[in-house]
Amino acid sequence: MSSPQSRQASTAELHPAITALVSLAAAIAGKHPNMGQCQLARLRDMGITEGQIATVVEIARHIRDEAGQKLDAAFDHGARQAADAPPAEAGAAEATACCSSTASGTRCC
């Protein structure tokens, strides 16, 4: 196992522009309510070009949209499997796997 000193030595501090670009991309891909507007202003203040910002935004949107498409496809696949299952089997699966309770005990469905 490595020592704390060797881990610190191998961890370099990121340039503030890189940090802001990563944060902007994560905010967009993660559907954060502020949508990275703070990072966008910081990047512009740092002199990052609109082309570089646009590239990061395009990549983040692609990741977000692709993830949504894959989730939708997985949902559709599961829905088709449930529709094709015999009624008794579908009811048993729903009772055990469909819903669980929240921490306060409220069921989600």
PDB file of N, CA and C in Angstrom:
ATOM      1  N   MET A   1       0.842  -1.175   0.000  1.00  0.00           N
ATOM      2  CA  MET A   1       0.000   0.000   0.000  1.00  0.00           C
ATOM      3  C   MET A   1       0.886   1.237   0.000  1.00  0.00           C
ATOM      4  N   SER A   2       0.510   2.272  -0.704  1.00  0.00           N
ATOM      5  CA  SER A   2       1.345   3.455  -0.799  1.00  0.00           C
ATOM      6  C   SER A   2       1.145   4.364   0.409  1.00  0.00           C
ATOM      7  N   SER A   3       2.171   5.123   0.703  1.00  0.00           N
ATOM      8  CA  SER A   3       2.116   6.029   1.846  1.00  0.00           C
ATOM      9  C   SER A   3       1.381   7.312   1.463  1.00  0.00           C
ATOM     10  N   PRO A   4       0.903   8.073   2.456  1.00  0.00           N
ATOM     11  CA  PRO A   4       0.223   9.344   2.146  1.00  0.00           C
ATOM     12  C   PRO A   4       1.119  10.293   1.352  1.00  0.00           C
ATOM     13  N   GLN A   5       2.438  10.295   1.644  1.00  0.00           N
ATOM     14  CA  GLN A   5       3.340  11.184   0.922  1.00  0.00           C
ATOM     15  C   GLN A   5       3.417  10.809  -0.557  1.00  0.00           C
ATOM     16  N   SER A   6       3.472   9.508  -0.873  1.00  0.00           N
ATOM     17  CA  SER A   6       3.589   9.108  -2.273  1.00  0.00           C
ATOM     18  C   SER A   6       2.288   9.370  -3.022  1.00  0.00           C
ATOM     19  N   ARG A   7       1.144   9.236  -2.335  1.00  0.00           N
ATOM     20  CA  ARG A   7      -0.131   9.562  -2.987  1.00  0.00           C
ATOM     21  C   ARG A   7      -0.208  11.047  -3.286  1.00  0.00           C
ATOM     22  N   GLN A   8       0.239  11.893  -2.351  1.00  0.00           N
ATOM     23  CA  GLN A   8       0.220  13.334  -2.574  1.00  0.00           C
ATOM     24  C   GLN A   8       1.148  13.720  -3.719  1.00  0.00           C
ATOM     25  N   ALA A   9       2.292  13.069  -3.794  1.00  0.00           N
ATOM     26  CA  ALA A   9       3.249  13.383  -4.843  1.00  0.00           C
ATOM     27  C   ALA A   9       2.704  13.026  -6.219  1.00  0.00           C
ATOM     28  N   SER A  10       1.880  11.973  -6.301  1.00  0.00           N
ATOM     29  CA  SER A  10       1.354  11.557  -7.594  1.00  0.00           C
ATOM     30  C   SER A  10       0.059  12.292  -7.958  1.00  0.00           C
ATOM     31  N   THR A  11      -0.493  13.068  -7.035  1.00  0.00           N
ATOM     32  CA  THR A  11      -1.719  13.810  -7.296  1.00  0.00           C
ATOM     33  C   THR A  11      -1.360  15.264  -7.562  1.00  0.00           C
ATOM     34  N   ALA A  12      -1.425  15.648  -8.821  1.00  0.00           N
ATOM     35  CA  ALA A  12      -1.099  17.022  -9.186  1.00  0.00           C
ATOM     36  C   ALA A  12      -2.354  17.882  -9.148  1.00  0.00           C
ATOM     37  N   GLU A  13      -2.202  19.118  -8.731  1.00  0.00           N
ATOM     38  CA  GLU A  13      -3.321  20.047  -8.720  1.00  0.00           C
ATOM     39  C   GLU A  13      -3.678  20.414 -10.159  1.00  0.00           C
ATOM     40  N   LEU A  14      -4.967  20.434 -10.442  1.00  0.00           N
ATOM     41  CA  LEU A  14      -5.421  20.778 -11.789  1.00  0.00           C
ATOM     42  C   LEU A  14      -5.439  22.284 -11.982  1.00  0.00           C
ATOM     43  N   HIS A  15      -5.183  22.699 -13.195  1.00  0.00           N
ATOM     44  CA  HIS A  15      -5.301  24.115 -13.555  1.00  0.00           C
ATOM     45  C   HIS A  15      -6.762  24.519 -13.359  1.00  0.00           C
ATOM     46  N   PRO A  16      -7.035  25.725 -12.874  1.00  0.00           N
ATOM     47  CA  PRO A  16      -8.421  26.151 -12.647  1.00  0.00           C
ATOM     48  C   PRO A  16      -9.321  26.043 -13.885  1.00  0.00           C
ATOM     49  N   ALA A  17      -8.758  26.232 -15.067  1.00  0.00           N
ATOM     50  CA  ALA A  17      -9.564  26.108 -16.289  1.00  0.00           C
ATOM     51  C   ALA A  17      -9.996  24.659 -16.510  1.00  0.00           C
ATOM     52  N   ILE A  18      -9.105  23.721 -16.223  1.00  0.00           N
ATOM     53  CA  ILE A  18      -9.459  22.308 -16.370  1.00  0.00           C
ATOM     54  C   ILE A  18     -10.550  21.949 -15.369  1.00  0.00           C
ATOM     55  N   THR A  19     -10.389  22.399 -14.141  1.00  0.00           N
ATOM     56  CA  THR A  19     -11.398  22.139 -13.118  1.00  0.00           C
ATOM     57  C   THR A  19     -12.750  22.706 -13.541  1.00  0.00           C
ATOM     58  N   ALA A  20     -12.764  23.926 -14.058  1.00  0.00           N
ATOM     59  CA  ALA A  20     -14.019  24.544 -14.489  1.00  0.00           C
ATOM     60  C   ALA A  20     -14.624  23.809 -15.688  1.00  0.00           C
ATOM     61  N   LEU A  21     -13.799  23.349 -16.625  1.00  0.00           N
ATOM     62  CA  LEU A  21     -14.300  22.593 -17.773  1.00  0.00           C
ATOM     63  C   LEU A  21     -14.912  21.264 -17.337  1.00  0.00           C
ATOM     64  N   VAL A  22     -14.229  20.564 -16.429  1.00  0.00           N
ATOM     65  CA  VAL A  22     -14.757  19.293 -15.921  1.00  0.00           C
ATOM     66  C   VAL A  22     -16.059  19.534 -15.179  1.00  0.00           C
ATOM     67  N   SER A  23     -16.086  20.570 -14.365  1.00  0.00           N
ATOM     68  CA  SER A  23     -17.289  20.891 -13.597  1.00  0.00           C
ATOM     69  C   SER A  23     -18.449  21.266 -14.517  1.00  0.00           C
ATOM     70  N   LEU A  24     -18.184  22.024 -15.564  1.00  0.00           N
ATOM     71  CA  LEU A  24     -19.215  22.385 -16.540  1.00  0.00           C
ATOM     72  C   LEU A  24     -19.773  21.131 -17.204  1.00  0.00           C
ATOM     73  N   ALA A  25     -18.884  20.252 -17.644  1.00  0.00           N
ATOM     74  CA  ALA A  25     -19.327  19.023 -18.303  1.00  0.00           C
ATOM     75  C   ALA A  25     -20.153  18.153 -17.354  1.00  0.00           C
ATOM     76  N   ALA A  26     -19.708  18.029 -16.117  1.00  0.00           N
ATOM     77  CA  ALA A  26     -20.433  17.211 -15.146  1.00  0.00           C
ATOM     78  C   ALA A  26     -21.809  17.806 -14.856  1.00  0.00           C
ATOM     79  N   ALA A  27     -21.891  19.119 -14.758  1.00  0.00           N
ATOM     80  CA  ALA A  27     -23.176  19.766 -14.491  1.00  0.00           C
ATOM     81  C   ALA A  27     -24.161  19.523 -15.627  1.00  0.00           C
ATOM     82  N   ILE A  28     -23.681  19.581 -16.851  1.00  0.00           N
ATOM     83  CA  ILE A  28     -24.552  19.346 -18.002  1.00  0.00           C
ATOM     84  C   ILE A  28     -24.948  17.874 -18.077  1.00  0.00           C
ATOM     85  N   ALA A  29     -23.973  16.991 -18.011  1.00  0.00           N
ATOM     86  CA  ALA A  29     -24.258  15.558 -18.121  1.00  0.00           C
ATOM     87  C   ALA A  29     -25.111  15.076 -16.956  1.00  0.00           C
ATOM     88  N   GLY A  30     -24.913  15.664 -15.777  1.00  0.00           N
ATOM     89  CA  GLY A  30     -25.654  15.261 -14.598  1.00  0.00           C
ATOM     90  C   GLY A  30     -26.977  15.983 -14.423  1.00  0.00           C
ATOM     91  N   LYS A  31     -27.340  16.822 -15.383  1.00  0.00           N
ATOM     92  CA  LYS A  31     -28.603  17.573 -15.339  1.00  0.00           C
ATOM     93  C   LYS A  31     -28.730  18.422 -14.079  1.00  0.00           C
ATOM     94  N   HIS A  32     -27.653  19.045 -13.670  1.00  0.00           N
ATOM     95  CA  HIS A  32     -27.676  19.909 -12.493  1.00  0.00           C
ATOM     96  C   HIS A  32     -28.572  21.119 -12.781  1.00  0.00           C
ATOM     97  N   PRO A  33     -29.388  21.520 -11.816  1.00  0.00           N
ATOM     98  CA  PRO A  33     -30.323  22.627 -12.058  1.00  0.00           C
ATOM     99  C   PRO A  33     -29.660  23.937 -12.500  1.00  0.00           C
ATOM    100  N   ASN A  34     -28.445  24.204 -12.064  1.00  0.00           N
ATOM    101  CA  ASN A  34     -27.761  25.444 -12.476  1.00  0.00           C
ATOM    102  C   ASN A  34     -27.086  25.317 -13.836  1.00  0.00           C
ATOM    103  N   MET A  35     -27.028  24.108 -14.382  1.00  0.00           N
ATOM    104  CA  MET A  35     -26.515  23.823 -15.726  1.00  0.00           C
ATOM    105  C   MET A  35     -25.125  24.371 -16.000  1.00  0.00           C
ATOM    106  N   GLY A  36     -24.311  24.564 -14.973  1.00  0.00           N
ATOM    107  CA  GLY A  36     -22.935  24.996 -15.200  1.00  0.00           C
ATOM    108  C   GLY A  36     -22.777  26.459 -15.544  1.00  0.00           C
ATOM    109  N   GLN A  37     -23.776  27.269 -15.280  1.00  0.00           N
ATOM    110  CA  GLN A  37     -23.687  28.689 -15.645  1.00  0.00           C
ATOM    111  C   GLN A  37     -22.543  29.399 -14.918  1.00  0.00           C
ATOM    112  N   CYS A  38     -22.298  29.049 -13.670  1.00  0.00           N
ATOM    113  CA  CYS A  38     -21.196  29.656 -12.911  1.00  0.00           C
ATOM    114  C   CYS A  38     -19.852  29.312 -13.567  1.00  0.00           C
ATOM    115  N   GLN A  39     -19.691  28.036 -13.925  1.00  0.00           N
ATOM    116  CA  GLN A  39     -18.446  27.612 -14.565  1.00  0.00           C
ATOM    117  C   GLN A  39     -18.283  28.268 -15.927  1.00  0.00           C
ATOM    118  N   LEU A  40     -19.382  28.418 -16.638  1.00  0.00           N
ATOM    119  CA  LEU A  40     -19.343  29.059 -17.948  1.00  0.00           C
ATOM    120  C   LEU A  40     -18.808  30.487 -17.830  1.00  0.00           C
ATOM    121  N   ALA A  41     -19.302  31.226 -16.853  1.00  0.00           N
ATOM    122  CA  ALA A  41     -18.822  32.596 -16.639  1.00  0.00           C
ATOM    123  C   ALA A  41     -17.339  32.600 -16.265  1.00  0.00           C
ATOM    124  N   ARG A  42     -16.932  31.663 -15.394  1.00  0.00           N
ATOM    125  CA  ARG A  42     -15.519  31.591 -15.002  1.00  0.00           C
ATOM    126  C   ARG A  42     -14.631  31.305 -16.203  1.00  0.00           C
ATOM    127  N   LEU A  43     -15.068  30.369 -17.048  1.00  0.00           N
ATOM    128  CA  LEU A  43     -14.269  30.012 -18.219  1.00  0.00           C
ATOM    129  C   LEU A  43     -14.108  31.196 -19.155  1.00  0.00           C
ATOM    130  N   ARG A  44     -15.163  31.912 -19.363  1.00  0.00           N
ATOM    131  CA  ARG A  44     -15.081  33.100 -20.229  1.00  0.00           C
ATOM    132  C   ARG A  44     -14.158  34.154 -19.619  1.00  0.00           C
ATOM    133  N   ASP A  45     -14.253  34.336 -18.303  1.00  0.00           N
ATOM    134  CA  ASP A  45     -13.368  35.290 -17.621  1.00  0.00           C
ATOM    135  C   ASP A  45     -11.901  34.875 -17.723  1.00  0.00           C
ATOM    136  N   MET A  46     -11.639  33.566 -17.800  1.00  0.00           N
ATOM    137  CA  MET A  46     -10.271  33.056 -17.922  1.00  0.00           C
ATOM    138  C   MET A  46      -9.755  33.132 -19.350  1.00  0.00           C
ATOM    139  N   GLY A  47     -10.616  33.481 -20.287  1.00  0.00           N
ATOM    140  CA  GLY A  47     -10.187  33.575 -21.675  1.00  0.00           C
ATOM    141  C   GLY A  47     -10.269  32.276 -22.453  1.00  0.00           C
ATOM    142  N   ILE A  48     -10.987  31.298 -21.935  1.00  0.00           N
ATOM    143  CA  ILE A  48     -11.175  30.048 -22.674  1.00  0.00           C
ATOM    144  C   ILE A  48     -12.051  30.362 -23.882  1.00  0.00           C
ATOM    145  N   THR A  49     -11.666  29.848 -25.036  1.00  0.00           N
ATOM    146  CA  THR A  49     -12.380  30.204 -26.266  1.00  0.00           C
ATOM    147  C   THR A  49     -13.776  29.589 -26.293  1.00  0.00           C
ATOM    148  N   GLU A  50     -14.660  30.256 -27.018  1.00  0.00           N
ATOM    149  CA  GLU A  50     -16.028  29.746 -27.172  1.00  0.00           C
ATOM    150  C   GLU A  50     -16.019  28.392 -27.877  1.00  0.00           C
ATOM    151  N   GLY A  51     -15.047  28.179 -28.766  1.00  0.00           N
ATOM    152  CA  GLY A  51     -14.935  26.885 -29.437  1.00  0.00           C
ATOM    153  C   GLY A  51     -14.602  25.761 -28.478  1.00  0.00           C
ATOM    154  N   GLN A  52     -13.675  26.017 -27.557  1.00  0.00           N
ATOM    155  CA  GLN A  52     -13.322  25.007 -26.564  1.00  0.00           C
ATOM    156  C   GLN A  52     -14.505  24.727 -25.635  1.00  0.00           C
ATOM    157  N   ILE A  53     -15.199  25.778 -25.241  1.00  0.00           N
ATOM    158  CA  ILE A  53     -16.378  25.607 -24.380  1.00  0.00           C
ATOM    159  C   ILE A  53     -17.445  24.811 -25.126  1.00  0.00           C
ATOM    160  N   ALA A  54     -17.665  25.145 -26.394  1.00  0.00           N
ATOM    161  CA  ALA A  54     -18.676  24.439 -27.190  1.00  0.00           C
ATOM    162  C   ALA A  54     -18.353  22.957 -27.325  1.00  0.00           C
ATOM    163  N   THR A  55     -17.065  22.626 -27.456  1.00  0.00           N
ATOM    164  CA  THR A  55     -16.666  21.225 -27.556  1.00  0.00           C
ATOM    165  C   THR A  55     -17.003  20.480 -26.265  1.00  0.00           C
ATOM    166  N   VAL A  56     -16.707  21.077 -25.127  1.00  0.00           N
ATOM    167  CA  VAL A  56     -17.012  20.448 -23.835  1.00  0.00           C
ATOM    168  C   VAL A  56     -18.516  20.286 -23.667  1.00  0.00           C
ATOM    169  N   VAL A  57     -19.288  21.314 -24.036  1.00  0.00           N
ATOM    170  CA  VAL A  57     -20.747  21.241 -23.933  1.00  0.00           C
ATOM    171  C   VAL A  57     -21.285  20.135 -24.846  1.00  0.00           C
ATOM    172  N   GLU A  58     -20.752  20.038 -26.056  1.00  0.00           N
ATOM    173  CA  GLU A  58     -21.203  18.993 -26.986  1.00  0.00           C
ATOM    174  C   GLU A  58     -20.929  17.597 -26.426  1.00  0.00           C
ATOM    175  N   ILE A  59     -19.747  17.391 -25.872  1.00  0.00           N
ATOM    176  CA  ILE A  59     -19.401  16.091 -25.300  1.00  0.00           C
ATOM    177  C   ILE A  59     -20.314  15.773 -24.119  1.00  0.00           C
ATOM    178  N   ALA A  60     -20.514  16.736 -23.239  1.00  0.00           N
ATOM    179  CA  ALA A  60     -21.358  16.519 -22.058  1.00  0.00           C
ATOM    180  C   ALA A  60     -22.796  16.201 -22.455  1.00  0.00           C
ATOM    181  N   ARG A  61     -23.322  16.927 -23.425  1.00  0.00           N
ATOM    182  CA  ARG A  61     -24.691  16.654 -23.889  1.00  0.00           C
ATOM    183  C   ARG A  61     -24.789  15.276 -24.523  1.00  0.00           C
ATOM    184  N   HIS A  62     -23.765  14.892 -25.261  1.00  0.00           N
ATOM    185  CA  HIS A  62     -23.757  13.564 -25.884  1.00  0.00           C
ATOM    186  C   HIS A  62     -23.799  12.484 -24.809  1.00  0.00           C
ATOM    187  N   ILE A  63     -22.973  12.629 -23.783  1.00  0.00           N
ATOM    188  CA  ILE A  63     -22.949  11.642 -22.694  1.00  0.00           C
ATOM    189  C   ILE A  63     -24.307  11.602 -22.001  1.00  0.00           C
ATOM    190  N   ARG A  64     -24.874  12.763 -21.699  1.00  0.00           N
ATOM    191  CA  ARG A  64     -26.183  12.828 -21.039  1.00  0.00           C
ATOM    192  C   ARG A  64     -27.251  12.165 -21.899  1.00  0.00           C
ATOM    193  N   ASP A  65     -27.285  12.507 -23.178  1.00  0.00           N
ATOM    194  CA  ASP A  65     -28.317  11.974 -24.068  1.00  0.00           C
ATOM    195  C   ASP A  65     -28.148  10.477 -24.300  1.00  0.00           C
ATOM    196  N   GLU A  66     -26.903  10.033 -24.453  1.00  0.00           N
ATOM    197  CA  GLU A  66     -26.646   8.609 -24.654  1.00  0.00           C
ATOM    198  C   GLU A  66     -27.064   7.815 -23.419  1.00  0.00           C
ATOM    199  N   ALA A  67     -26.774   8.343 -22.241  1.00  0.00           N
ATOM    200  CA  ALA A  67     -27.189   7.662 -21.015  1.00  0.00           C
ATOM    201  C   ALA A  67     -28.706   7.560 -20.945  1.00  0.00           C
ATOM    202  N   GLY A  68     -29.399   8.618 -21.318  1.00  0.00           N
ATOM    203  CA  GLY A  68     -30.860   8.592 -21.326  1.00  0.00           C
ATOM    204  C   GLY A  68     -31.403   7.568 -22.303  1.00  0.00           C
ATOM    205  N   GLN A  69     -30.795   7.491 -23.483  1.00  0.00           N
ATOM    206  CA  GLN A  69     -31.234   6.520 -24.481  1.00  0.00           C
ATOM    207  C   GLN A  69     -31.025   5.092 -23.983  1.00  0.00           C
ATOM    208  N   LYS A  70     -29.895   4.847 -23.327  1.00  0.00           N
ATOM    209  CA  LYS A  70     -29.625   3.497 -22.817  1.00  0.00           C
ATOM    210  C   LYS A  70     -30.576   3.139 -21.681  1.00  0.00           C
ATOM    211  N   LEU A  71     -30.884   4.108 -20.818  1.00  0.00           N
ATOM    212  CA  LEU A  71     -31.862   3.855 -19.757  1.00  0.00           C
ATOM    213  C   LEU A  71     -33.236   3.569 -20.348  1.00  0.00           C
ATOM    214  N   ASP A  72     -33.626   4.347 -21.368  1.00  0.00           N
ATOM    215  CA  ASP A  72     -34.910   4.121 -22.023  1.00  0.00           C
ATOM    216  C   ASP A  72     -34.959   2.732 -22.658  1.00  0.00           C
ATOM    217  N   ALA A  73     -33.875   2.325 -23.313  1.00  0.00           N
ATOM    218  CA  ALA A  73     -33.834   1.010 -23.950  1.00  0.00           C
ATOM    219  C   ALA A  73     -33.929  -0.102 -22.903  1.00  0.00           C
ATOM    220  N   ALA A  74     -33.244   0.061 -21.773  1.00  0.00           N
ATOM    221  CA  ALA A  74     -33.313  -0.941 -20.709  1.00  0.00           C
ATOM    222  C   ALA A  74     -34.733  -1.011 -20.138  1.00  0.00           C
ATOM    223  N   PHE A  75     -35.372   0.144 -19.972  1.00  0.00           N
ATOM    224  CA  PHE A  75     -36.749   0.166 -19.482  1.00  0.00           C
ATOM    225  C   PHE A  75     -37.665  -0.550 -20.467  1.00  0.00           C
ATOM    226  N   ASP A  76     -37.545  -0.214 -21.742  1.00  0.00           N
ATOM    227  CA  ASP A  76     -38.385  -0.836 -22.770  1.00  0.00           C
ATOM    228  C   ASP A  76     -38.180  -2.345 -22.813  1.00  0.00           C
ATOM    229  N   HIS A  77     -36.934  -2.788 -22.687  1.00  0.00           N
ATOM    230  CA  HIS A  77     -36.634  -4.219 -22.687  1.00  0.00           C
ATOM    231  C   HIS A  77     -37.312  -4.897 -21.498  1.00  0.00           C
ATOM    232  N   GLY A  78     -37.200  -4.296 -20.325  1.00  0.00           N
ATOM    233  CA  GLY A  78     -37.842  -4.850 -19.140  1.00  0.00           C
ATOM    234  C   GLY A  78     -39.360  -4.865 -19.268  1.00  0.00           C
ATOM    235  N   ALA A  79     -39.923  -3.820 -19.870  1.00  0.00           N
ATOM    236  CA  ALA A  79     -41.373  -3.757 -20.057  1.00  0.00           C
ATOM    237  C   ALA A  79     -41.834  -4.844 -21.014  1.00  0.00           C
ATOM    238  N   ARG A  80     -41.052  -5.092 -22.073  1.00  0.00           N
ATOM    239  CA  ARG A  80     -41.409  -6.160 -23.021  1.00  0.00           C
ATOM    240  C   ARG A  80     -41.347  -7.515 -22.349  1.00  0.00           C
ATOM    241  N   GLN A  81     -40.322  -7.739 -21.535  1.00  0.00           N
ATOM    242  CA  GLN A  81     -40.198  -9.017 -20.838  1.00  0.00           C
ATOM    243  C   GLN A  81     -41.370  -9.220 -19.880  1.00  0.00           C
ATOM    244  N   ALA A  82     -41.761  -8.183 -19.174  1.00  0.00           N
ATOM    245  CA  ALA A  82     -42.888  -8.290 -18.239  1.00  0.00           C
ATOM    246  C   ALA A  82     -44.188  -8.551 -18.991  1.00  0.00           C
ATOM    247  N   ALA A  83     -44.352  -7.938 -20.161  1.00  0.00           N
ATOM    248  CA  ALA A  83     -45.567  -8.130 -20.951  1.00  0.00           C
ATOM    249  C   ALA A  83     -45.638  -9.543 -21.512  1.00  0.00           C
ATOM    250  N   ASP A  84     -44.482 -10.147 -21.812  1.00  0.00           N
ATOM    251  CA  ASP A  84     -44.437 -11.490 -22.374  1.00  0.00           C
ATOM    252  C   ASP A  84     -44.525 -12.584 -21.312  1.00  0.00           C
ATOM    253  N   ALA A  85     -44.348 -12.230 -20.038  1.00  0.00           N
ATOM    254  CA  ALA A  85     -44.358 -13.229 -18.964  1.00  0.00           C
ATOM    255  C   ALA A  85     -45.787 -13.660 -18.664  1.00  0.00           C
ATOM    256  N   PRO A  86     -45.962 -14.915 -18.239  1.00  0.00           N
ATOM    257  CA  PRO A  86     -47.295 -15.364 -17.830  1.00  0.00           C
ATOM    258  C   PRO A  86     -47.797 -14.482 -16.680  1.00  0.00           C
ATOM    259  N   PRO A  87     -49.116 -14.272 -16.566  1.00  0.00           N
ATOM    260  CA  PRO A  87     -49.664 -13.363 -15.552  1.00  0.00           C
ATOM    261  C   PRO A  87     -49.207 -13.651 -14.129  1.00  0.00           C
ATOM    262  N   ALA A  88     -49.160 -14.893 -13.705  1.00  0.00           N
ATOM    263  CA  ALA A  88     -48.751 -15.204 -12.331  1.00  0.00           C
ATOM    264  C   ALA A  88     -47.298 -14.813 -12.104  1.00  0.00           C
ATOM    265  N   GLU A  89     -46.444 -15.075 -13.102  1.00  0.00           N
ATOM    266  CA  GLU A  89     -45.026 -14.746 -12.971  1.00  0.00           C
ATOM    267  C   GLU A  89     -44.834 -13.239 -12.927  1.00  0.00           C
ATOM    268  N   ALA A  90     -45.574 -12.501 -13.756  1.00  0.00           N
ATOM    269  CA  ALA A  90     -45.454 -11.047 -13.773  1.00  0.00           C
ATOM    270  C   ALA A  90     -45.880 -10.469 -12.438  1.00  0.00           C
ATOM    271  N   GLY A  91     -46.948 -10.990 -11.840  1.00  0.00           N
ATOM    272  CA  GLY A  91     -47.401 -10.499 -10.542  1.00  0.00           C
ATOM    273  C   GLY A  91     -46.391 -10.781  -9.451  1.00  0.00           C
ATOM    274  N   ALA A  92     -45.770 -11.945  -9.486  1.00  0.00           N
ATOM    275  CA  ALA A  92     -44.768 -12.288  -8.479  1.00  0.00           C
ATOM    276  C   ALA A  92     -43.552 -11.380  -8.606  1.00  0.00           C
ATOM    277  N   ALA A  93     -43.126 -11.111  -9.832  1.00  0.00           N
ATOM    278  CA  ALA A  93     -41.974 -10.236 -10.031  1.00  0.00           C
ATOM    279  C   ALA A  93     -42.291  -8.830  -9.545  1.00  0.00           C
ATOM    280  N   GLU A  94     -43.500  -8.360  -9.808  1.00  0.00           N
ATOM    281  CA  GLU A  94     -43.877  -7.012  -9.384  1.00  0.00           C
ATOM    282  C   GLU A  94     -43.871  -6.898  -7.870  1.00  0.00           C
ATOM    283  N   ALA A  95     -44.341  -7.908  -7.190  1.00  0.00           N
ATOM    284  CA  ALA A  95     -44.422  -7.862  -5.733  1.00  0.00           C
ATOM    285  C   ALA A  95     -43.041  -7.832  -5.086  1.00  0.00           C
ATOM    286  N   THR A  96     -42.065  -8.467  -5.706  1.00  0.00           N
ATOM    287  CA  THR A  96     -40.758  -8.546  -5.077  1.00  0.00           C
ATOM    288  C   THR A  96     -39.769  -7.521  -5.598  1.00  0.00           C
ATOM    289  N   ALA A  97     -39.821  -7.166  -6.874  1.00  0.00           N
ATOM    290  CA  ALA A  97     -38.763  -6.340  -7.442  1.00  0.00           C
ATOM    291  C   ALA A  97     -39.205  -4.955  -7.884  1.00  0.00           C
ATOM    292  N   CYS A  98     -40.483  -4.702  -8.002  1.00  0.00           N
ATOM    293  CA  CYS A  98     -40.934  -3.446  -8.580  1.00  0.00           C
ATOM    294  C   CYS A  98     -40.630  -2.259  -7.690  1.00  0.00           C
ATOM    295  N   CYS A  99     -41.032  -2.329  -6.473  1.00  0.00           N
ATOM    296  CA  CYS A  99     -40.978  -1.179  -5.575  1.00  0.00           C
ATOM    297  C   CYS A  99     -40.407  -1.573  -4.236  1.00  0.00           C
ATOM    298  N   SER A 100     -39.757  -0.652  -3.653  1.00  0.00           N
ATOM    299  CA  SER A 100     -39.373  -0.799  -2.253  1.00  0.00           C
ATOM    300  C   SER A 100     -39.832   0.460  -1.550  1.00  0.00           C
ATOM    301  N   SER A 101     -39.737   0.480  -0.251  1.00  0.00           N
ATOM    302  CA  SER A 101     -40.159   1.647   0.508  1.00  0.00           C
ATOM    303  C   SER A 101     -39.010   2.627   0.651  1.00  0.00           C
ATOM    304  N   THR A 102     -39.365   3.901   0.805  1.00  0.00           N
ATOM    305  CA  THR A 102     -38.356   4.915   1.101  1.00  0.00           C
ATOM    306  C   THR A 102     -37.901   4.728   2.547  1.00  0.00           C
ATOM    307  N   ALA A 103     -36.930   5.492   2.974  1.00  0.00           N
ATOM    308  CA  ALA A 103     -36.418   5.379   4.337  1.00  0.00           C
ATOM    309  C   ALA A 103     -37.503   5.615   5.380  1.00  0.00           C
ATOM    310  N   SER A 104     -38.490   6.456   5.042  1.00  0.00           N
ATOM    311  CA  SER A 104     -39.580   6.725   5.995  1.00  0.00           C
ATOM    312  C   SER A 104     -40.681   5.694   5.929  1.00  0.00           C
ATOM    313  N   GLY A 105     -40.585   4.723   5.006  1.00  0.00           N
ATOM    314  CA  GLY A 105     -41.587   3.681   4.894  1.00  0.00           C
ATOM    315  C   GLY A 105     -42.621   3.923   3.815  1.00  0.00           C
ATOM    316  N   THR A 106     -42.536   5.015   3.087  1.00  0.00           N
ATOM    317  CA  THR A 106     -43.469   5.309   2.020  1.00  0.00           C
ATOM    318  C   THR A 106     -43.109   4.520   0.779  1.00  0.00           C
ATOM    319  N   ARG A 107     -44.100   3.851   0.183  1.00  0.00           N
ATOM    320  CA  ARG A 107     -43.850   3.093  -1.040  1.00  0.00           C
ATOM    321  C   ARG A 107     -43.821   4.058  -2.219  1.00  0.00           C
ATOM    322  N   CYS A 108     -42.981   3.757  -3.196  1.00  0.00           N
ATOM    323  CA  CYS A 108     -42.860   4.630  -4.363  1.00  0.00           C
ATOM    324  C   CYS A 108     -43.888   4.303  -5.440  1.00  0.00           C
ATOM    325  N   CYS A 109     -44.557   3.155  -5.331  1.00  0.00           N
ATOM    326  CA  CYS A 109     -45.589   2.813  -6.316  1.00  0.00           C
ATOM    327  C   CYS A 109     -46.694   2.019  -5.666  1.00  0.00           C
TER     328      CYS A 109
END
